[in-house]
Amino acid sequence: MAVNADVERDQNMTRLKQRAFSANHRAKRSNNQARESFYRTKATAINTLLKAGRAFVDGVDWSVPDPTVGIRFIGGGRLHTKLSALDLLAFRSVRFQLASGSI
């Protein structure tokens, strides 16, 4: 039974990662109003993956007013998101990773 739960959890995480990539792709091809909706979808997926330990900080660009965080996913792939797009628990995960020097 535990094996099935692990497989299902992995499949859910893969779907979330695919949702983030799809939303990012669609945002880049959309107008302003739709673009914001797609970026919120991407952020929600990234937040969930960070909190689940399935995504990790790959770098931060501190040169802009709202820093951009590079996120690397288990199983491959990388996206960027703004620090302000992270919810409290995802932000804590990022802060912990930065403080521990894991990037």
N, C-alpha and C. Protein backbone atom coordinates (compact mmCIF):
# COMPACT_ATOMS: atom_id res chain seq x y z
N MET A 1 0.83 -1.19 0.00
CA MET A 1 0.00 0.00 0.00
C MET A 1 0.88 1.25 0.00
N ALA A 2 1.98 1.26 0.79
CA ALA A 2 2.86 2.42 0.85
C ALA A 2 3.52 2.70 -0.49
N VAL A 3 3.82 1.64 -1.24
CA VAL A 3 4.43 1.80 -2.56
C VAL A 3 3.48 2.55 -3.48
N ASN A 4 2.20 2.20 -3.45
CA ASN A 4 1.22 2.89 -4.28
C ASN A 4 1.11 4.37 -3.90
N ALA A 5 1.17 4.66 -2.62
CA ALA A 5 1.10 6.06 -2.16
C ALA A 5 2.31 6.83 -2.65
N ASP A 6 3.50 6.19 -2.61
CA ASP A 6 4.71 6.86 -3.09
C ASP A 6 4.63 7.13 -4.59
N VAL A 7 4.14 6.17 -5.34
CA VAL A 7 4.00 6.34 -6.79
C VAL A 7 3.01 7.45 -7.09
N GLU A 8 1.91 7.47 -6.38
CA GLU A 8 0.90 8.51 -6.59
C GLU A 8 1.46 9.89 -6.23
N ARG A 9 2.20 9.98 -5.14
CA ARG A 9 2.79 11.25 -4.75
C ARG A 9 3.78 11.73 -5.81
N ASP A 10 4.61 10.81 -6.32
CA ASP A 10 5.56 11.17 -7.37
C ASP A 10 4.84 11.64 -8.63
N GLN A 11 3.75 10.98 -8.98
CA GLN A 11 2.98 11.39 -10.16
C GLN A 11 2.37 12.77 -9.95
N ASN A 12 1.87 13.04 -8.75
CA ASN A 12 1.31 14.36 -8.45
C ASN A 12 2.38 15.44 -8.55
N MET A 13 3.57 15.16 -8.05
CA MET A 13 4.65 16.13 -8.11
C MET A 13 5.09 16.36 -9.56
N THR A 14 5.09 15.31 -10.36
CA THR A 14 5.42 15.45 -11.78
C THR A 14 4.38 16.31 -12.48
N ARG A 15 3.12 16.11 -12.16
CA ARG A 15 2.05 16.93 -12.76
C ARG A 15 2.20 18.39 -12.34
N LEU A 16 2.55 18.63 -11.09
CA LEU A 16 2.75 20.01 -10.63
C LEU A 16 3.91 20.67 -11.38
N LYS A 17 4.99 19.93 -11.56
CA LYS A 17 6.13 20.47 -12.30
C LYS A 17 5.72 20.78 -13.74
N GLN A 18 4.98 19.87 -14.37
CA GLN A 18 4.51 20.11 -15.73
C GLN A 18 3.58 21.32 -15.78
N ARG A 19 2.75 21.49 -14.75
CA ARG A 19 1.85 22.64 -14.69
C ARG A 19 2.66 23.93 -14.62
N ALA A 20 3.73 23.94 -13.84
CA ALA A 20 4.57 25.13 -13.72
C ALA A 20 5.20 25.48 -15.07
N PHE A 21 5.74 24.48 -15.76
CA PHE A 21 6.36 24.73 -17.06
C PHE A 21 5.33 25.18 -18.10
N SER A 22 4.18 24.55 -18.09
CA SER A 22 3.12 24.92 -19.03
C SER A 22 2.64 26.35 -18.78
N ALA A 23 2.42 26.69 -17.52
CA ALA A 23 1.96 28.04 -17.17
C ALA A 23 3.01 29.07 -17.57
N ASN A 24 4.28 28.76 -17.36
CA ASN A 24 5.36 29.67 -17.73
C ASN A 24 5.36 29.90 -19.25
N HIS A 25 5.24 28.82 -20.00
CA HIS A 25 5.22 28.90 -21.46
C HIS A 25 4.03 29.73 -21.94
N ARG A 26 2.87 29.48 -21.37
CA ARG A 26 1.67 30.21 -21.78
C ARG A 26 1.74 31.68 -21.37
N ALA A 27 2.34 31.96 -20.23
CA ALA A 27 2.46 33.35 -19.77
C ALA A 27 3.31 34.16 -20.76
N LYS A 28 4.35 33.55 -21.26
CA LYS A 28 5.24 34.25 -22.18
C LYS A 28 4.55 34.58 -23.50
N ARG A 29 3.47 33.88 -23.82
CA ARG A 29 2.76 34.09 -25.08
C ARG A 29 1.42 34.81 -24.90
N SER A 30 1.17 35.32 -23.70
CA SER A 30 -0.14 35.89 -23.39
C SER A 30 -0.09 37.40 -23.23
N ASN A 31 -1.30 37.99 -23.19
CA ASN A 31 -1.40 39.41 -22.91
C ASN A 31 -1.29 39.65 -21.40
N ASN A 32 -1.28 40.89 -21.00
CA ASN A 32 -1.04 41.23 -19.60
C ASN A 32 -1.99 40.59 -18.62
N GLN A 33 -3.30 40.62 -18.89
CA GLN A 33 -4.27 40.09 -17.94
C GLN A 33 -4.14 38.58 -17.79
N ALA A 34 -4.06 37.87 -18.88
CA ALA A 34 -3.91 36.41 -18.83
C ALA A 34 -2.53 36.03 -18.30
N ARG A 35 -1.54 36.82 -18.64
CA ARG A 35 -0.16 36.55 -18.22
C ARG A 35 -0.07 36.45 -16.69
N GLU A 36 -0.70 37.38 -16.00
CA GLU A 36 -0.65 37.37 -14.54
C GLU A 36 -1.29 36.10 -13.97
N SER A 37 -2.36 35.65 -14.58
CA SER A 37 -3.02 34.42 -14.14
C SER A 37 -2.10 33.21 -14.32
N PHE A 38 -1.43 33.15 -15.45
CA PHE A 38 -0.51 32.03 -15.69
C PHE A 38 0.67 32.08 -14.72
N TYR A 39 1.19 33.27 -14.46
CA TYR A 39 2.30 33.37 -13.51
C TYR A 39 1.86 32.99 -12.09
N ARG A 40 0.62 33.27 -11.72
CA ARG A 40 0.11 32.84 -10.41
C ARG A 40 0.03 31.31 -10.36
N THR A 41 -0.42 30.69 -11.45
CA THR A 41 -0.48 29.22 -11.52
C THR A 41 0.92 28.63 -11.37
N LYS A 42 1.88 29.22 -12.07
CA LYS A 42 3.28 28.77 -11.98
C LYS A 42 3.77 28.90 -10.54
N ALA A 43 3.50 30.04 -9.91
CA ALA A 43 3.96 30.28 -8.53
C ALA A 43 3.33 29.29 -7.56
N THR A 44 2.07 29.00 -7.74
CA THR A 44 1.39 28.04 -6.85
C THR A 44 2.05 26.67 -6.95
N ALA A 45 2.36 26.24 -8.17
CA ALA A 45 3.02 24.94 -8.36
C ALA A 45 4.41 24.95 -7.74
N ILE A 46 5.17 26.01 -7.97
CA ILE A 46 6.52 26.11 -7.41
C ILE A 46 6.47 26.12 -5.88
N ASN A 47 5.53 26.87 -5.31
CA ASN A 47 5.38 26.89 -3.85
C ASN A 47 5.16 25.49 -3.30
N THR A 48 4.26 24.76 -3.92
CA THR A 48 3.95 23.41 -3.46
C THR A 48 5.16 22.50 -3.58
N LEU A 49 5.89 22.59 -4.68
CA LEU A 49 7.07 21.74 -4.87
C LEU A 49 8.19 22.10 -3.90
N LEU A 50 8.37 23.37 -3.61
CA LEU A 50 9.37 23.77 -2.61
C LEU A 50 9.01 23.21 -1.23
N LYS A 51 7.75 23.35 -0.85
CA LYS A 51 7.32 22.87 0.47
C LYS A 51 7.41 21.36 0.59
N ALA A 52 7.25 20.66 -0.53
CA ALA A 52 7.30 19.19 -0.53
C ALA A 52 8.73 18.67 -0.63
N GLY A 53 9.70 19.57 -0.76
CA GLY A 53 11.09 19.14 -0.89
C GLY A 53 11.41 18.59 -2.26
N ARG A 54 10.64 18.97 -3.27
CA ARG A 54 10.84 18.48 -4.63
C ARG A 54 11.43 19.54 -5.55
N ALA A 55 11.75 20.72 -4.98
CA ALA A 55 12.36 21.81 -5.73
C ALA A 55 13.36 22.51 -4.81
N PHE A 56 14.41 23.04 -5.42
CA PHE A 56 15.49 23.61 -4.65
C PHE A 56 15.99 24.90 -5.29
N VAL A 57 16.52 25.79 -4.45
CA VAL A 57 17.09 27.04 -4.94
C VAL A 57 18.35 26.74 -5.73
N ASP A 58 18.42 27.34 -6.91
CA ASP A 58 19.57 27.14 -7.79
C ASP A 58 20.35 28.44 -7.97
N GLY A 59 19.85 29.52 -7.41
CA GLY A 59 20.52 30.81 -7.50
C GLY A 59 19.53 31.93 -7.26
N VAL A 60 20.05 33.10 -6.94
CA VAL A 60 19.21 34.27 -6.70
C VAL A 60 19.86 35.47 -7.37
N ASP A 61 19.05 36.24 -8.08
CA ASP A 61 19.52 37.50 -8.67
C ASP A 61 19.06 38.62 -7.75
N TRP A 62 19.98 39.16 -6.97
CA TRP A 62 19.67 40.20 -6.00
C TRP A 62 19.75 41.60 -6.61
N SER A 63 20.05 41.71 -7.91
CA SER A 63 20.29 43.01 -8.53
C SER A 63 19.01 43.76 -8.90
N VAL A 64 17.87 43.14 -8.71
CA VAL A 64 16.59 43.78 -9.04
C VAL A 64 15.79 44.02 -7.77
N PRO A 65 14.86 44.98 -7.79
CA PRO A 65 14.09 45.29 -6.57
C PRO A 65 13.34 44.08 -6.00
N ASP A 66 12.78 43.24 -6.86
CA ASP A 66 12.11 42.01 -6.42
C ASP A 66 12.97 40.85 -6.90
N PRO A 67 13.89 40.35 -6.04
CA PRO A 67 14.85 39.33 -6.48
C PRO A 67 14.19 38.14 -7.17
N THR A 68 14.92 37.62 -8.15
CA THR A 68 14.47 36.46 -8.91
C THR A 68 15.21 35.23 -8.39
N VAL A 69 14.45 34.17 -8.13
CA VAL A 69 15.00 32.94 -7.58
C VAL A 69 14.97 31.87 -8.67
N GLY A 70 16.13 31.26 -8.92
CA GLY A 70 16.20 30.10 -9.82
C GLY A 70 15.81 28.87 -9.03
N ILE A 71 14.90 28.09 -9.58
CA ILE A 71 14.40 26.89 -8.90
C ILE A 71 14.74 25.68 -9.77
N ARG A 72 15.37 24.68 -9.16
CA ARG A 72 15.72 23.43 -9.83
C ARG A 72 14.83 22.33 -9.26
N PHE A 73 14.30 21.50 -10.15
CA PHE A 73 13.34 20.47 -9.75
C PHE A 73 13.98 19.08 -9.71
N ILE A 74 13.54 18.27 -8.77
CA ILE A 74 13.92 16.86 -8.77
C ILE A 74 13.37 16.26 -10.07
N GLY A 75 14.17 15.50 -10.74
CA GLY A 75 13.75 14.91 -12.02
C GLY A 75 14.10 15.79 -13.20
N GLY A 76 14.70 16.95 -12.93
CA GLY A 76 15.17 17.82 -14.01
C GLY A 76 14.30 19.03 -14.23
N GLY A 77 14.90 20.02 -14.81
CA GLY A 77 14.21 21.24 -15.16
C GLY A 77 14.51 22.37 -14.19
N ARG A 78 14.36 23.58 -14.71
CA ARG A 78 14.66 24.77 -13.93
C ARG A 78 13.76 25.90 -14.40
N LEU A 79 13.24 26.66 -13.45
CA LEU A 79 12.45 27.85 -13.73
C LEU A 79 12.88 28.96 -12.78
N HIS A 80 12.47 30.17 -13.10
CA HIS A 80 12.69 31.32 -12.22
C HIS A 80 11.35 31.82 -11.71
N THR A 81 11.36 32.37 -10.53
CA THR A 81 10.19 33.04 -9.98
C THR A 81 10.65 34.21 -9.13
N LYS A 82 9.78 35.15 -8.94
CA LYS A 82 10.12 36.29 -8.08
C LYS A 82 9.98 35.88 -6.62
N LEU A 83 10.83 36.44 -5.80
CA LEU A 83 10.78 36.14 -4.37
C LEU A 83 9.40 36.49 -3.81
N SER A 84 8.80 37.55 -4.32
CA SER A 84 7.48 37.98 -3.83
C SER A 84 6.37 37.00 -4.21
N ALA A 85 6.63 36.08 -5.14
CA ALA A 85 5.61 35.10 -5.55
C ALA A 85 5.54 33.91 -4.60
N LEU A 86 6.49 33.83 -3.67
CA LEU A 86 6.52 32.69 -2.75
C LEU A 86 5.59 32.93 -1.57
N ASP A 87 4.88 31.88 -1.17
CA ASP A 87 4.08 32.00 0.05
C ASP A 87 5.02 31.83 1.25
N LEU A 88 4.49 31.99 2.44
CA LEU A 88 5.32 32.02 3.65
C LEU A 88 6.14 30.74 3.83
N LEU A 89 5.53 29.59 3.68
CA LEU A 89 6.27 28.33 3.90
C LEU A 89 7.31 28.08 2.81
N ALA A 90 6.99 28.42 1.56
CA ALA A 90 7.97 28.27 0.48
C ALA A 90 9.12 29.25 0.69
N PHE A 91 8.80 30.48 1.12
CA PHE A 91 9.84 31.47 1.41
C PHE A 91 10.76 30.96 2.51
N ARG A 92 10.19 30.35 3.53
CA ARG A 92 11.02 29.79 4.62
C ARG A 92 11.94 28.70 4.09
N SER A 93 11.43 27.87 3.18
CA SER A 93 12.26 26.82 2.58
C SER A 93 13.43 27.44 1.81
N VAL A 94 13.16 28.49 1.05
CA VAL A 94 14.20 29.18 0.31
C VAL A 94 15.21 29.81 1.27
N ARG A 95 14.70 30.48 2.28
CA ARG A 95 15.57 31.12 3.27
C ARG A 95 16.48 30.10 3.96
N PHE A 96 15.90 28.94 4.32
CA PHE A 96 16.68 27.88 4.96
C PHE A 96 17.78 27.38 4.02
N GLN A 97 17.43 27.18 2.75
CA GLN A 97 18.42 26.70 1.78
C GLN A 97 19.54 27.72 1.60
N LEU A 98 19.18 28.99 1.54
CA LEU A 98 20.21 30.03 1.39
C LEU A 98 21.10 30.09 2.63
N ALA A 99 20.50 30.00 3.81
CA ALA A 99 21.27 30.09 5.06
C ALA A 99 22.18 28.89 5.25
N SER A 100 21.76 27.73 4.75
CA SER A 100 22.56 26.51 4.94
C SER A 100 23.66 26.39 3.88
N GLY A 101 23.65 27.31 2.93
CA GLY A 101 24.69 27.29 1.89
C GLY A 101 24.54 26.16 0.91
N SER A 102 23.32 25.67 0.74
CA SER A 102 23.11 24.51 -0.14
C SER A 102 23.06 24.89 -1.61
N ILE A 103 23.20 26.17 -1.93
CA ILE A 103 23.23 26.55 -3.36
C ILE A 103 24.63 26.89 -3.79
